[in-house]
Amino acid sequence: MYVRLHKYHSEKFALCIKTDVIENFLIINMNCTKLSTLVFTKELSGSSIIIRGINANLQGNYAYDSADAFMEINLIEIDFPDNSDGDLEDEILKIAQKISNEFLWKIDLRE
């Protein structure tokens, strides 16, 4: 299961966030640790969650191959660990809500 955050429904990945803006927000405001370009981790209740900034085209296809060259992203995914329970899932959704509130993006819970 994972959470996607985006500006519009999956057909319209239009509004973007500058990569330096999202990186600063995740590091400074959310206390995340940067693992690599647009990939972050956060410790919650003894588990590590992964947060990815992604550039997707209008069909929602990911452009992972050129993440180093991205200047903007239009999709964020947060992975749920395999061992997650209701409390951990609630904490992850709170993180998604903070990001959503900051950038006015929609939360989309996927299985």
Protein backbone atom coordinates (compact mmCIF):
# COMPACT_ATOMS: atom_id res chain seq x y z
CA MET A 1 0.00 0.00 0.00
CA TYR A 2 1.19 3.54 -0.65
CA VAL A 3 0.04 7.14 -0.65
CA ARG A 4 0.27 9.35 -3.73
CA LEU A 5 0.11 13.11 -3.56
CA HIS A 6 -0.59 15.12 -6.68
CA LYS A 7 -2.28 18.33 -7.75
CA TYR A 8 -5.09 16.78 -9.76
CA HIS A 9 -6.50 13.35 -10.48
CA SER A 10 -4.11 10.96 -12.21
CA GLU A 11 -5.10 12.16 -15.69
CA LYS A 12 -3.71 15.64 -15.00
CA PHE A 13 -0.21 15.74 -13.52
CA ALA A 14 0.12 19.44 -14.30
CA LEU A 15 1.22 21.63 -11.39
CA CYS A 16 4.77 21.03 -10.22
CA ILE A 17 6.91 21.71 -7.16
CA LYS A 18 10.52 22.79 -7.63
CA THR A 19 12.80 19.99 -6.45
CA ASP A 20 14.77 22.25 -4.11
CA VAL A 21 11.52 23.44 -2.48
CA ILE A 22 10.25 19.92 -1.75
CA GLU A 23 13.69 18.78 -0.62
CA ASN A 24 13.99 21.68 1.83
CA PHE A 25 10.46 21.09 3.13
CA LEU A 26 11.05 17.38 3.71
CA ILE A 27 14.43 17.91 5.38
CA ILE A 28 13.70 21.02 7.45
CA ASN A 29 9.97 20.79 8.22
CA MET A 30 9.46 17.02 8.22
CA ASN A 31 12.89 15.94 9.59
CA CYS A 32 13.41 13.48 6.74
CA THR A 33 16.80 12.16 5.70
CA LYS A 34 17.81 12.41 2.05
CA LEU A 35 18.90 9.04 0.64
CA SER A 36 19.42 10.14 -2.97
CA THR A 37 17.95 12.48 -5.54
CA LEU A 38 14.30 12.97 -4.56
CA VAL A 39 14.30 9.92 -2.25
CA PHE A 40 13.91 10.43 1.49
CA THR A 41 13.40 8.32 4.56
CA LYS A 42 11.69 9.04 7.85
CA GLU A 43 11.69 6.91 11.00
CA LEU A 44 8.24 6.29 12.47
CA SER A 45 7.52 3.91 15.34
CA GLY A 46 10.67 1.88 14.64
CA SER A 47 10.00 1.60 10.90
CA SER A 48 11.53 3.47 7.99
CA ILE A 49 9.19 4.92 5.42
CA ILE A 50 10.32 6.02 1.97
CA ILE A 51 9.13 9.25 0.37
CA ARG A 52 9.82 9.77 -3.35
CA GLY A 53 9.44 12.83 -5.51
CA ILE A 54 8.54 11.78 -9.04
CA ASN A 55 8.14 13.45 -12.38
CA ALA A 56 5.22 11.86 -14.26
CA ASN A 57 3.87 12.56 -17.72
CA LEU A 58 0.23 13.31 -18.50
CA GLN A 59 -0.55 9.57 -18.58
CA GLY A 60 0.95 9.14 -15.11
CA ASN A 61 4.02 7.26 -16.34
CA TYR A 62 7.11 7.76 -14.19
CA ALA A 63 10.34 9.20 -15.55
CA TYR A 64 12.75 7.53 -13.09
CA ASP A 65 15.65 7.40 -15.55
CA SER A 66 16.46 11.09 -15.33
CA ALA A 67 15.76 11.96 -11.69
CA ASP A 68 19.08 13.82 -11.41
CA ALA A 69 17.94 16.21 -14.14
CA PHE A 70 14.49 16.96 -12.68
CA MET A 71 13.93 20.60 -11.79
CA GLU A 72 10.32 19.97 -10.74
CA ILE A 73 8.14 17.10 -9.59
CA ASN A 74 4.42 16.59 -9.94
CA LEU A 75 3.92 13.46 -7.83
CA ILE A 76 5.02 12.28 -4.38
CA GLU A 77 4.73 8.68 -3.20
CA ILE A 78 5.03 7.43 0.36
CA ASP A 79 5.45 3.67 0.79
CA PHE A 80 3.86 1.79 3.67
CA PRO A 81 6.25 -0.79 5.21
CA ASP A 82 5.12 -4.41 4.93
CA ASN A 83 4.81 -4.66 8.73
CA SER A 84 2.68 -1.52 9.11
CA ASP A 85 -0.26 -1.55 11.50
CA GLY A 86 -3.12 0.88 12.00
CA ASP A 87 -1.09 3.26 14.20
CA LEU A 88 1.81 3.44 11.74
CA GLU A 89 -0.58 3.92 8.83
CA ASP A 90 -2.20 6.82 10.73
CA GLU A 91 1.24 8.42 11.24
CA ILE A 92 2.04 8.05 7.53
CA LEU A 93 -1.28 9.63 6.60
CA LYS A 94 -0.49 12.55 8.93
CA ILE A 95 2.77 13.11 7.03
CA ALA A 96 0.87 12.96 3.74
CA GLN A 97 -1.62 15.48 5.11
CA LYS A 98 1.17 17.91 6.12
CA ILE A 99 2.66 17.72 2.63
CA SER A 100 -0.77 18.04 1.07
CA ASN A 101 -1.59 21.10 3.17
CA GLU A 102 1.71 22.77 2.36
CA PHE A 103 1.48 22.34 -1.41
CA LEU A 104 -2.32 22.05 -1.85
CA TRP A 105 -2.05 18.62 -3.41
CA LYS A 106 -4.57 15.78 -3.30
CA ILE A 107 -3.97 12.60 -1.28
CA ASP A 108 -4.68 9.33 -3.09
CA LEU A 109 -4.43 6.12 -1.02
CA ARG A 110 -3.50 3.12 -3.19
CA GLU A 111 -3.24 -0.61 -2.52
